[in-house]
PDB file of N, CA and C in Angstrom:
ATOM      1  N   MET A   1     111.938 182.416  98.549  1.00  0.00           N
ATOM      2  CA  MET A   1     110.958 182.157  97.582  1.00  0.00           C
ATOM      3  C   MET A   1     111.359 182.945  96.218  1.00  0.00           C
ATOM      4  N   TYR A   2     111.136 182.264  95.116  1.00  0.00           N
ATOM      5  CA  TYR A   2     111.461 182.824  93.826  1.00  0.00           C
ATOM      6  C   TYR A   2     110.338 182.928  92.886  1.00  0.00           C
ATOM      7  N   PRO A   3     109.845 184.095  92.783  1.00  0.00           N
ATOM      8  CA  PRO A   3     108.604 184.107  91.964  1.00  0.00           C
ATOM      9  C   PRO A   3     108.884 183.998  90.515  1.00  0.00           C
ATOM     10  N   ILE A   4     108.050 183.178  89.813  1.00  0.00           N
ATOM     11  CA  ILE A   4     107.990 182.975  88.455  1.00  0.00           C
ATOM     12  C   ILE A   4     106.701 183.401  87.850  1.00  0.00           C
ATOM     13  N   GLN A   5     106.759 184.295  86.888  1.00  0.00           N
ATOM     14  CA  GLN A   5     105.414 184.698  86.282  1.00  0.00           C
ATOM     15  C   GLN A   5     105.058 183.841  85.094  1.00  0.00           C
ATOM     16  N   VAL A   6     103.977 183.261  85.014  1.00  0.00           N
ATOM     17  CA  VAL A   6     103.550 182.586  84.109  1.00  0.00           C
ATOM     18  C   VAL A   6     102.354 183.197  83.393  1.00  0.00           C
ATOM     19  N   ARG A   7     102.288 183.502  82.135  1.00  0.00           N
ATOM     20  CA  ARG A   7     101.267 184.264  81.236  1.00  0.00           C
ATOM     21  C   ARG A   7     100.731 185.476  81.916  1.00  0.00           C
ATOM     22  N   ARG A   8     101.565 186.129  82.534  1.00  0.00           N
ATOM     23  CA  ARG A   8     101.246 187.674  82.966  1.00  0.00           C
ATOM     24  C   ARG A   8     100.252 187.636  84.102  1.00  0.00           C
ATOM     25  N   CYS A   9      99.433 186.736  84.328  1.00  0.00           N
ATOM     26  CA  CYS A   9      98.345 187.021  85.411  1.00  0.00           C
ATOM     27  C   CYS A   9      98.628 185.806  86.621  1.00  0.00           C
ATOM     28  N   ILE A  10      99.406 184.810  86.443  1.00  0.00           N
ATOM     29  CA  ILE A  10      99.704 184.025  87.472  1.00  0.00           C
ATOM     30  C   ILE A  10     101.097 183.877  87.852  1.00  0.00           C
ATOM     31  N   THR A  11     101.353 184.136  89.265  1.00  0.00           N
ATOM     32  CA  THR A  11     102.631 184.142  89.729  1.00  0.00           C
ATOM     33  C   THR A  11     102.731 182.925  90.656  1.00  0.00           C
ATOM     34  N   ILE A  12     103.733 182.044  90.470  1.00  0.00           N
ATOM     35  CA  ILE A  12     103.923 180.936  91.305  1.00  0.00           C
ATOM     36  C   ILE A  12     105.168 181.076  92.102  1.00  0.00           C
ATOM     37  N   GLU A  13     105.030 180.749  93.440  1.00  0.00           N
ATOM     38  CA  GLU A  13     106.243 181.077  94.280  1.00  0.00           C
ATOM     39  C   GLU A  13     106.903 179.643  94.450  1.00  0.00           C
ATOM     40  N   LEU A  14     108.274 179.531  93.977  1.00  0.00           N
ATOM     41  CA  LEU A  14     108.934 178.409  94.282  1.00  0.00           C
ATOM     42  C   LEU A  14     109.876 178.451  95.385  1.00  0.00           C
ATOM     43  N   THR A  15     109.812 177.513  96.206  1.00  0.00           N
ATOM     44  CA  THR A  15     110.815 177.402  97.349  1.00  0.00           C
ATOM     45  C   THR A  15     112.236 177.061  96.749  1.00  0.00           C
ATOM     46  N   LEU A  16     113.182 177.335  97.618  1.00  0.00           N
ATOM     47  CA  LEU A  16     114.512 176.920  97.151  1.00  0.00           C
ATOM     48  C   LEU A  16     114.538 175.295  96.815  1.00  0.00           C
ATOM     49  N   THR A  17     113.777 174.712  97.945  1.00  0.00           N
ATOM     50  CA  THR A  17     113.663 173.270  97.882  1.00  0.00           C
ATOM     51  C   THR A  17     113.223 172.754  96.595  1.00  0.00           C
ATOM     52  N   HIS A  18     111.934 173.348  96.050  1.00  0.00           N
ATOM     53  CA  HIS A  18     111.405 173.137  94.899  1.00  0.00           C
ATOM     54  C   HIS A  18     112.479 173.240  93.631  1.00  0.00           C
ATOM     55  N   ARG A  19     113.081 174.592  93.675  1.00  0.00           N
ATOM     56  CA  ARG A  19     114.053 174.668  92.564  1.00  0.00           C
ATOM     57  C   ARG A  19     115.094 173.714  92.510  1.00  0.00           C
ATOM     58  N   LEU A  20     115.657 173.368  93.637  1.00  0.00           N
ATOM     59  CA  LEU A  20     116.658 172.270  93.627  1.00  0.00           C
ATOM     60  C   LEU A  20     116.230 170.895  93.216  1.00  0.00           C
ATOM     61  N   LEU A  21     115.091 170.534  93.560  1.00  0.00           N
ATOM     62  CA  LEU A  21     114.365 169.269  93.138  1.00  0.00           C
ATOM     63  C   LEU A  21     114.180 169.313  91.593  1.00  0.00           C
ATOM     64  N   LEU A  22     113.867 170.609  91.030  1.00  0.00           N
ATOM     65  CA  LEU A  22     113.786 170.569  89.621  1.00  0.00           C
ATOM     66  C   LEU A  22     115.060 170.429  88.945  1.00  0.00           C
ATOM     67  N   VAL A  23     116.127 170.934  89.497  1.00  0.00           N
ATOM     68  CA  VAL A  23     117.351 170.739  88.964  1.00  0.00           C
ATOM     69  C   VAL A  23     117.740 169.264  89.024  1.00  0.00           C
ATOM     70  N   GLN A  24     117.557 168.699  90.174  1.00  0.00           N
ATOM     71  CA  GLN A  24     117.903 167.162  90.383  1.00  0.00           C
ATOM     72  C   GLN A  24     117.184 166.377  89.430  1.00  0.00           C
ATOM     73  N   PHE A  25     115.915 166.595  89.039  1.00  0.00           N
ATOM     74  CA  PHE A  25     114.977 165.833  88.282  1.00  0.00           C
ATOM     75  C   PHE A  25     114.951 166.203  86.915  1.00  0.00           C
ATOM     76  N   SER A  26     115.827 167.106  86.361  1.00  0.00           N
ATOM     77  CA  SER A  26     115.909 167.661  84.964  1.00  0.00           C
ATOM     78  C   SER A  26     114.745 168.480  84.607  1.00  0.00           C
ATOM     79  N   ASN A  27     114.239 169.134  85.415  1.00  0.00           N
ATOM     80  CA  ASN A  27     113.021 170.083  85.188  1.00  0.00           C
ATOM     81  C   ASN A  27     111.798 169.251  84.790  1.00  0.00           C
ATOM     82  N   ARG A  28     111.711 168.149  85.317  1.00  0.00           N
ATOM     83  CA  ARG A  28     110.560 167.310  85.209  1.00  0.00           C
ATOM     84  C   ARG A  28     109.461 167.598  86.227  1.00  0.00           C
ATOM     85  N   ALA A  29     108.248 167.684  86.080  1.00  0.00           N
ATOM     86  CA  ALA A  29     107.373 167.975  87.127  1.00  0.00           C
ATOM     87  C   ALA A  29     107.151 166.825  88.017  1.00  0.00           C
ATOM     88  N   LEU A  30     107.254 165.562  87.447  1.00  0.00           N
ATOM     89  CA  LEU A  30     107.006 164.327  88.165  1.00  0.00           C
ATOM     90  C   LEU A  30     108.318 163.550  88.329  1.00  0.00           C
ATOM     91  N   ALA A  31     108.330 162.888  89.466  1.00  0.00           N
ATOM     92  CA  ALA A  31     109.562 161.829  89.624  1.00  0.00           C
ATOM     93  C   ALA A  31     108.939 160.531  90.020  1.00  0.00           C
ATOM     94  N   PRO A  32     109.567 159.415  89.321  1.00  0.00           N
ATOM     95  CA  PRO A  32     109.179 158.165  89.812  1.00  0.00           C
ATOM     96  C   PRO A  32     109.443 157.745  91.236  1.00  0.00           C
ATOM     97  N   LEU A  33     108.545 157.035  91.946  1.00  0.00           N
ATOM     98  CA  LEU A  33     108.730 156.670  93.327  1.00  0.00           C
ATOM     99  C   LEU A  33     110.054 155.964  93.469  1.00  0.00           C
ATOM    100  N   ASP A  34     110.328 155.147  92.555  1.00  0.00           N
ATOM    101  CA  ASP A  34     111.726 154.375  92.641  1.00  0.00           C
ATOM    102  C   ASP A  34     112.887 155.358  92.804  1.00  0.00           C
ATOM    103  N   GLU A  35     112.749 156.610  92.310  1.00  0.00           N
ATOM    104  CA  GLU A  35     114.014 157.460  92.244  1.00  0.00           C
ATOM    105  C   GLU A  35     114.076 158.211  93.508  1.00  0.00           C
ATOM    106  N   ILE A  36     113.045 158.219  94.390  1.00  0.00           N
ATOM    107  CA  ILE A  36     112.972 159.045  95.588  1.00  0.00           C
ATOM    108  C   ILE A  36     112.818 158.198  96.857  1.00  0.00           C
ATOM    109  N   ALA A  37     112.390 156.966  96.713  1.00  0.00           N
ATOM    110  CA  ALA A  37     112.098 156.035  97.942  1.00  0.00           C
ATOM    111  C   ALA A  37     113.246 156.087  98.874  1.00  0.00           C
ATOM    112  N   GLU A  38     114.342 155.595  98.370  1.00  0.00           N
ATOM    113  CA  GLU A  38     115.517 155.386  99.355  1.00  0.00           C
ATOM    114  C   GLU A  38     115.957 156.827  99.811  1.00  0.00           C
ATOM    115  N   SER A  39     116.333 157.752  99.099  1.00  0.00           N
ATOM    116  CA  SER A  39     116.984 158.975  99.350  1.00  0.00           C
ATOM    117  C   SER A  39     116.165 160.026 100.196  1.00  0.00           C
ATOM    118  N   TYR A  40     114.855 160.010  99.841  1.00  0.00           N
ATOM    119  CA  TYR A  40     113.896 160.957 100.668  1.00  0.00           C
ATOM    120  C   TYR A  40     113.008 160.354 101.701  1.00  0.00           C
ATOM    121  N   LEU A  41     112.767 159.058 101.465  1.00  0.00           N
ATOM    122  CA  LEU A  41     111.859 158.328 102.513  1.00  0.00           C
ATOM    123  C   LEU A  41     112.663 157.342 103.345  1.00  0.00           C
ATOM    124  N   GLY A  42     113.911 156.942 102.927  1.00  0.00           N
ATOM    125  CA  GLY A  42     114.648 155.967 103.688  1.00  0.00           C
ATOM    126  C   GLY A  42     114.018 154.538 103.691  1.00  0.00           C
ATOM    127  N   LEU A  43     113.414 154.412 102.488  1.00  0.00           N
ATOM    128  CA  LEU A  43     112.591 153.038 102.328  1.00  0.00           C
ATOM    129  C   LEU A  43     113.157 152.368 101.220  1.00  0.00           C
ATOM    130  N   GLY A  44     113.090 151.040 101.205  1.00  0.00           N
ATOM    131  CA  GLY A  44     113.478 150.365  99.949  1.00  0.00           C
ATOM    132  C   GLY A  44     112.262 150.383  99.092  1.00  0.00           C
ATOM    133  N   LEU A  45     112.584 150.078  97.764  1.00  0.00           N
ATOM    134  CA  LEU A  45     111.689 150.101  96.815  1.00  0.00           C
ATOM    135  C   LEU A  45     110.421 149.336  97.047  1.00  0.00           C
ATOM    136  N   ARG A  46     110.491 148.239  97.507  1.00  0.00           N
ATOM    137  CA  ARG A  46     109.458 147.178  97.582  1.00  0.00           C
ATOM    138  C   ARG A  46     108.383 147.898  98.748  1.00  0.00           C
ATOM    139  N   THR A  47     109.222 148.225  99.892  1.00  0.00           N
ATOM    140  CA  THR A  47     108.373 149.000 101.034  1.00  0.00           C
ATOM    141  C   THR A  47     107.673 150.022 100.542  1.00  0.00           C
ATOM    142  N   ALA A  48     108.312 150.947  99.857  1.00  0.00           N
ATOM    143  CA  ALA A  48     107.747 152.280  99.304  1.00  0.00           C
ATOM    144  C   ALA A  48     106.401 151.988  98.438  1.00  0.00           C
ATOM    145  N   LYS A  49     106.630 150.897  97.533  1.00  0.00           N
ATOM    146  CA  LYS A  49     105.488 150.554  96.727  1.00  0.00           C
ATOM    147  C   LYS A  49     104.298 149.963  97.551  1.00  0.00           C
ATOM    148  N   ASN A  50     104.639 149.226  98.431  1.00  0.00           N
ATOM    149  CA  ASN A  50     103.538 148.555  99.215  1.00  0.00           C
ATOM    150  C   ASN A  50     102.812 149.829 100.094  1.00  0.00           C
ATOM    151  N   ARG A  51     103.607 150.823 100.567  1.00  0.00           N
ATOM    152  CA  ARG A  51     103.002 151.948 101.197  1.00  0.00           C
ATOM    153  C   ARG A  51     102.146 152.731 100.264  1.00  0.00           C
ATOM    154  N   ALA A  52     102.695 152.955  99.172  1.00  0.00           N
ATOM    155  CA  ALA A  52     102.054 153.748  98.069  1.00  0.00           C
ATOM    156  C   ALA A  52     100.612 153.081  97.695  1.00  0.00           C
ATOM    157  N   LYS A  53     100.557 151.741  97.675  1.00  0.00           N
ATOM    158  CA  LYS A  53      99.384 151.076  97.290  1.00  0.00           C
ATOM    159  C   LYS A  53      98.342 151.189  98.504  1.00  0.00           C
ATOM    160  N   ALA A  54      98.899 151.305  99.744  1.00  0.00           N
ATOM    161  CA  ALA A  54      98.078 151.319 100.803  1.00  0.00           C
ATOM    162  C   ALA A  54      97.670 152.728 101.248  1.00  0.00           C
ATOM    163  N   GLY A  55      98.275 153.847 100.428  1.00  0.00           N
ATOM    164  CA  GLY A  55      98.013 155.111 100.836  1.00  0.00           C
ATOM    165  C   GLY A  55      98.788 155.627 102.012  1.00  0.00           C
ATOM    166  N   MET A  56      99.801 155.041 102.447  1.00  0.00           N
ATOM    167  CA  MET A  56     100.495 155.289 103.566  1.00  0.00           C
ATOM    168  C   MET A  56     101.792 156.051 103.457  1.00  0.00           C
ATOM    169  N   LEU A  57     101.990 156.730 102.541  1.00  0.00           N
ATOM    170  CA  LEU A  57     103.120 157.607 102.221  1.00  0.00           C
ATOM    171  C   LEU A  57     102.767 159.095 102.732  1.00  0.00           C
ATOM    172  N   PRO A  58     103.668 159.940 102.937  1.00  0.00           N
ATOM    173  CA  PRO A  58     103.341 161.312 103.531  1.00  0.00           C
ATOM    174  C   PRO A  58     102.979 162.242 102.554  1.00  0.00           C
ATOM    175  N   PHE A  59     102.959 161.850 101.351  1.00  0.00           N
ATOM    176  CA  PHE A  59     102.480 162.744 100.270  1.00  0.00           C
ATOM    177  C   PHE A  59     101.869 161.865  99.199  1.00  0.00           C
ATOM    178  N   PRO A  60     101.012 162.618  98.298  1.00  0.00           N
ATOM    179  CA  PRO A  60     100.222 161.688  97.350  1.00  0.00           C
ATOM    180  C   PRO A  60     101.227 161.154  96.232  1.00  0.00           C
ATOM    181  N   VAL A  61     100.932 159.895  95.847  1.00  0.00           N
ATOM    182  CA  VAL A  61     101.440 159.301  94.607  1.00  0.00           C
ATOM    183  C   VAL A  61     100.302 158.823  93.750  1.00  0.00           C
ATOM    184  N   PHE A  62     100.636 158.626  92.477  1.00  0.00           N
ATOM    185  CA  PHE A  62      99.663 158.219  91.561  1.00  0.00           C
ATOM    186  C   PHE A  62     100.290 157.531  90.322  1.00  0.00           C
ATOM    187  N   LYS A  63      99.475 156.994  89.589  1.00  0.00           N
ATOM    188  CA  LYS A  63      99.758 156.358  88.399  1.00  0.00           C
ATOM    189  C   LYS A  63      99.068 157.099  87.141  1.00  0.00           C
ATOM    190  N   MET A  64      99.885 157.272  85.986  1.00  0.00           N
ATOM    191  CA  MET A  64      99.231 157.830  84.817  1.00  0.00           C
ATOM    192  C   MET A  64      98.261 156.976  84.199  1.00  0.00           C
ATOM    193  N   ARG A  65      98.485 155.611  84.291  1.00  0.00           N
ATOM    194  CA  ARG A  65      97.571 154.756  83.696  1.00  0.00           C
ATOM    195  C   ARG A  65      97.191 153.699  84.876  1.00  0.00           C
ATOM    196  N   ASN A  66      96.063 153.195  84.656  1.00  0.00           N
ATOM    197  CA  ASN A  66      95.572 152.119  85.585  1.00  0.00           C
ATOM    198  C   ASN A  66      96.080 150.730  85.208  1.00  0.00           C
ATOM    199  N   SER A  67      97.438 150.514  85.268  1.00  0.00           N
ATOM    200  CA  SER A  67      98.193 149.424  84.921  1.00  0.00           C
ATOM    201  C   SER A  67      99.038 149.012  85.976  1.00  0.00           C
ATOM    202  N   ALA A  68      99.329 147.626  86.089  1.00  0.00           N
ATOM    203  CA  ALA A  68     100.189 147.240  87.274  1.00  0.00           C
ATOM    204  C   ALA A  68     101.663 147.521  86.864  1.00  0.00           C
ATOM    205  N   LYS A  69     101.797 147.677  85.642  1.00  0.00           N
ATOM    206  CA  LYS A  69     103.276 147.991  85.204  1.00  0.00           C
ATOM    207  C   LYS A  69     103.539 149.588  85.124  1.00  0.00           C
ATOM    208  N   SER A  70     102.580 150.311  85.324  1.00  0.00           N
ATOM    209  CA  SER A  70     102.742 151.683  85.267  1.00  0.00           C
ATOM    210  C   SER A  70     103.278 152.177  86.652  1.00  0.00           C
ATOM    211  N   PRO A  71     104.377 153.124  86.682  1.00  0.00           N
ATOM    212  CA  PRO A  71     105.195 153.320  87.858  1.00  0.00           C
ATOM    213  C   PRO A  71     104.238 154.394  88.697  1.00  0.00           C
ATOM    214  N   PHE A  72     104.590 154.380  89.925  1.00  0.00           N
ATOM    215  CA  PHE A  72     103.956 155.421  90.958  1.00  0.00           C
ATOM    216  C   PHE A  72     104.760 156.639  90.598  1.00  0.00           C
ATOM    217  N   LEU A  73     104.123 157.667  90.581  1.00  0.00           N
ATOM    218  CA  LEU A  73     104.724 159.137  90.306  1.00  0.00           C
ATOM    219  C   LEU A  73     104.466 159.955  91.629  1.00  0.00           C
ATOM    220  N   VAL A  74     105.328 160.748  91.699  1.00  0.00           N
ATOM    221  CA  VAL A  74     105.232 161.782  92.708  1.00  0.00           C
ATOM    222  C   VAL A  74     105.407 163.188  92.211  1.00  0.00           C
ATOM    223  N   HIS A  75     104.543 164.231  92.355  1.00  0.00           N
ATOM    224  CA  HIS A  75     104.669 165.564  91.770  1.00  0.00           C
ATOM    225  C   HIS A  75     105.642 166.173  92.796  1.00  0.00           C
ATOM    226  N   LEU A  76     106.506 167.066  92.111  1.00  0.00           N
ATOM    227  CA  LEU A  76     107.558 167.627  92.742  1.00  0.00           C
ATOM    228  C   LEU A  76     107.143 168.614  93.727  1.00  0.00           C
ATOM    229  N   ASN A  77     105.943 169.284  93.502  1.00  0.00           N
ATOM    230  CA  ASN A  77     105.396 170.223  94.395  1.00  0.00           C
ATOM    231  C   ASN A  77     105.095 169.501  95.803  1.00  0.00           C
ATOM    232  N   ASP A  78     104.470 168.409  95.748  1.00  0.00           N
ATOM    233  CA  ASP A  78     104.237 167.536  96.943  1.00  0.00           C
ATOM    234  C   ASP A  78     105.485 167.144  97.670  1.00  0.00           C
ATOM    235  N   LEU A  79     106.454 166.685  96.864  1.00  0.00           N
ATOM    236  CA  LEU A  79     107.774 166.310  97.536  1.00  0.00           C
ATOM    237  C   LEU A  79     108.451 167.533  98.256  1.00  0.00           C
ATOM    238  N   ALA A  80     108.371 168.732  97.591  1.00  0.00           N
ATOM    239  CA  ALA A  80     109.136 169.908  98.165  1.00  0.00           C
ATOM    240  C   ALA A  80     108.355 170.206  99.336  1.00  0.00           C
ATOM    241  N   ASN A  81     106.983 170.218  99.209  1.00  0.00           N
ATOM    242  CA  ASN A  81     106.177 170.693 100.451  1.00  0.00           C
ATOM    243  C   ASN A  81     106.507 169.813 101.728  1.00  0.00           C
ATOM    244  N   TYR A  82     106.565 168.469 101.457  1.00  0.00           N
ATOM    245  CA  TYR A  82     106.906 167.438 102.427  1.00  0.00           C
ATOM    246  C   TYR A  82     108.319 167.669 103.056  1.00  0.00           C
ATOM    247  N   ILE A  83     109.263 167.977 102.313  1.00  0.00           N
ATOM    248  CA  ILE A  83     110.680 168.268 102.679  1.00  0.00           C
ATOM    249  C   ILE A  83     110.659 169.577 103.537  1.00  0.00           C
ATOM    250  N   ASP A  84     110.070 170.634 103.049  1.00  0.00           N
ATOM    251  CA  ASP A  84     109.963 171.876 103.729  1.00  0.00           C
ATOM    252  C   ASP A  84     109.132 171.712 105.198  1.00  0.00           C
ATOM    253  N   LYS A  85     108.208 171.087 105.232  1.00  0.00           N
ATOM    254  CA  LYS A  85     107.288 170.715 106.473  1.00  0.00           C
ATOM    255  C   LYS A  85     108.251 169.854 107.357  1.00  0.00           C
ATOM    256  N   GLN A  86     109.106 168.869 106.880  1.00  0.00           N
ATOM    257  CA  GLN A  86     109.952 168.169 107.721  1.00  0.00           C
ATOM    258  C   GLN A  86     110.926 169.170 108.406  1.00  0.00           C
ATOM    259  N   CYS A  87     111.580 169.926 107.597  1.00  0.00           N
ATOM    260  CA  CYS A  87     112.594 170.915 107.956  1.00  0.00           C
ATOM    261  C   CYS A  87     112.126 171.866 109.240  1.00  0.00           C
ATOM    262  N   LYS A  88     110.846 172.361 108.782  1.00  0.00           N
ATOM    263  CA  LYS A  88     110.171 173.410 109.728  1.00  0.00           C
ATOM    264  C   LYS A  88     109.792 172.778 110.983  1.00  0.00           C
ATOM    265  N   ASP A  89     109.274 171.485 110.974  1.00  0.00           N
ATOM    266  CA  ASP A  89     109.015 170.705 112.204  1.00  0.00           C
ATOM    267  C   ASP A  89     110.297 170.354 112.985  1.00  0.00           C
ATOM    268  N   ALA A  90     111.280 170.020 112.310  1.00  0.00           N
ATOM    269  CA  ALA A  90     112.582 169.861 112.974  1.00  0.00           C
ATOM    270  C   ALA A  90     113.178 170.994 113.741  1.00  0.00           C
ATOM    271  N   ARG A  91     113.057 172.237 113.072  1.00  0.00           N
ATOM    272  CA  ARG A  91     113.483 173.371 113.611  1.00  0.00           C
ATOM    273  C   ARG A  91     112.693 173.830 114.863  1.00  0.00           C
ATOM    274  N   SER A  92     111.372 173.651 114.836  1.00  0.00           N
ATOM    275  CA  SER A  92     110.594 174.068 115.920  1.00  0.00           C
ATOM    276  C   SER A  92     110.740 172.930 117.159  1.00  0.00           C
ATOM    277  N   ASP A  93     111.134 171.789 116.892  1.00  0.00           N
ATOM    278  CA  ASP A  93     111.359 170.812 117.892  1.00  0.00           C
ATOM    279  C   ASP A  93     112.812 171.141 118.606  1.00  0.00           C
ATOM    280  N   GLN A  94     113.793 171.532 117.758  1.00  0.00           N
ATOM    281  CA  GLN A  94     114.938 172.017 118.382  1.00  0.00           C
ATOM    282  C   GLN A  94     114.892 173.235 119.098  1.00  0.00           C
ATOM    283  N   VAL A  95     114.192 174.194 118.756  1.00  0.00           N
ATOM    284  CA  VAL A  95     113.963 175.495 119.482  1.00  0.00           C
ATOM    285  C   VAL A  95     113.206 175.042 120.913  1.00  0.00           C
ATOM    286  N   GLU A  96     112.257 174.178 120.789  1.00  0.00           N
ATOM    287  CA  GLU A  96     111.625 173.875 121.961  1.00  0.00           C
ATOM    288  C   GLU A  96     112.522 173.084 123.082  1.00  0.00           C
ATOM    289  N   ARG A  97     113.424 172.160 122.440  1.00  0.00           N
ATOM    290  CA  ARG A  97     114.327 171.668 123.297  1.00  0.00           C
ATOM    291  C   ARG A  97     115.360 172.676 123.963  1.00  0.00           C
ATOM    292  N   PHE A  98     115.734 173.519 123.172  1.00  0.00           N
ATOM    293  CA  PHE A  98     116.616 174.605 123.660  1.00  0.00           C
ATOM    294  C   PHE A  98     116.084 175.462 124.817  1.00  0.00           C
ATOM    295  N   LEU A  99     114.767 175.680 124.629  1.00  0.00           N
ATOM    296  CA  LEU A  99     114.129 176.627 125.580  1.00  0.00           C
ATOM    297  C   LEU A  99     113.697 175.968 126.846  1.00  0.00           C
ATOM    298  N   ARG A 100     113.813 174.632 126.865  1.00  0.00           N
ATOM    299  CA  ARG A 100     113.466 173.956 128.264  1.00  0.00           C
ATOM    300  C   ARG A 100     114.330 174.189 129.279  1.00  0.00           C
TER     301      ARG A 100
END
């Protein structure tokens, strides 16, 4: 974890995953779903959008405006938490298999 101090009173802990996502997405806090669907979810764009509409993605997505043309967005905090959780679950599964 890399602490970042914001306005002297709030410290935010960023994981390595979060920092790398910030670099990948040019320090933007939000990423369009179409930029992450294939690489992080293994889904085609149409499938990802359909699941987003149905609320069936593993992290929250939203639109800035209530418009059909407005893209679905993902906050990088949510994406980083999802990736870290997937890694943690995979590690614990592997340890369980090893100990059997």
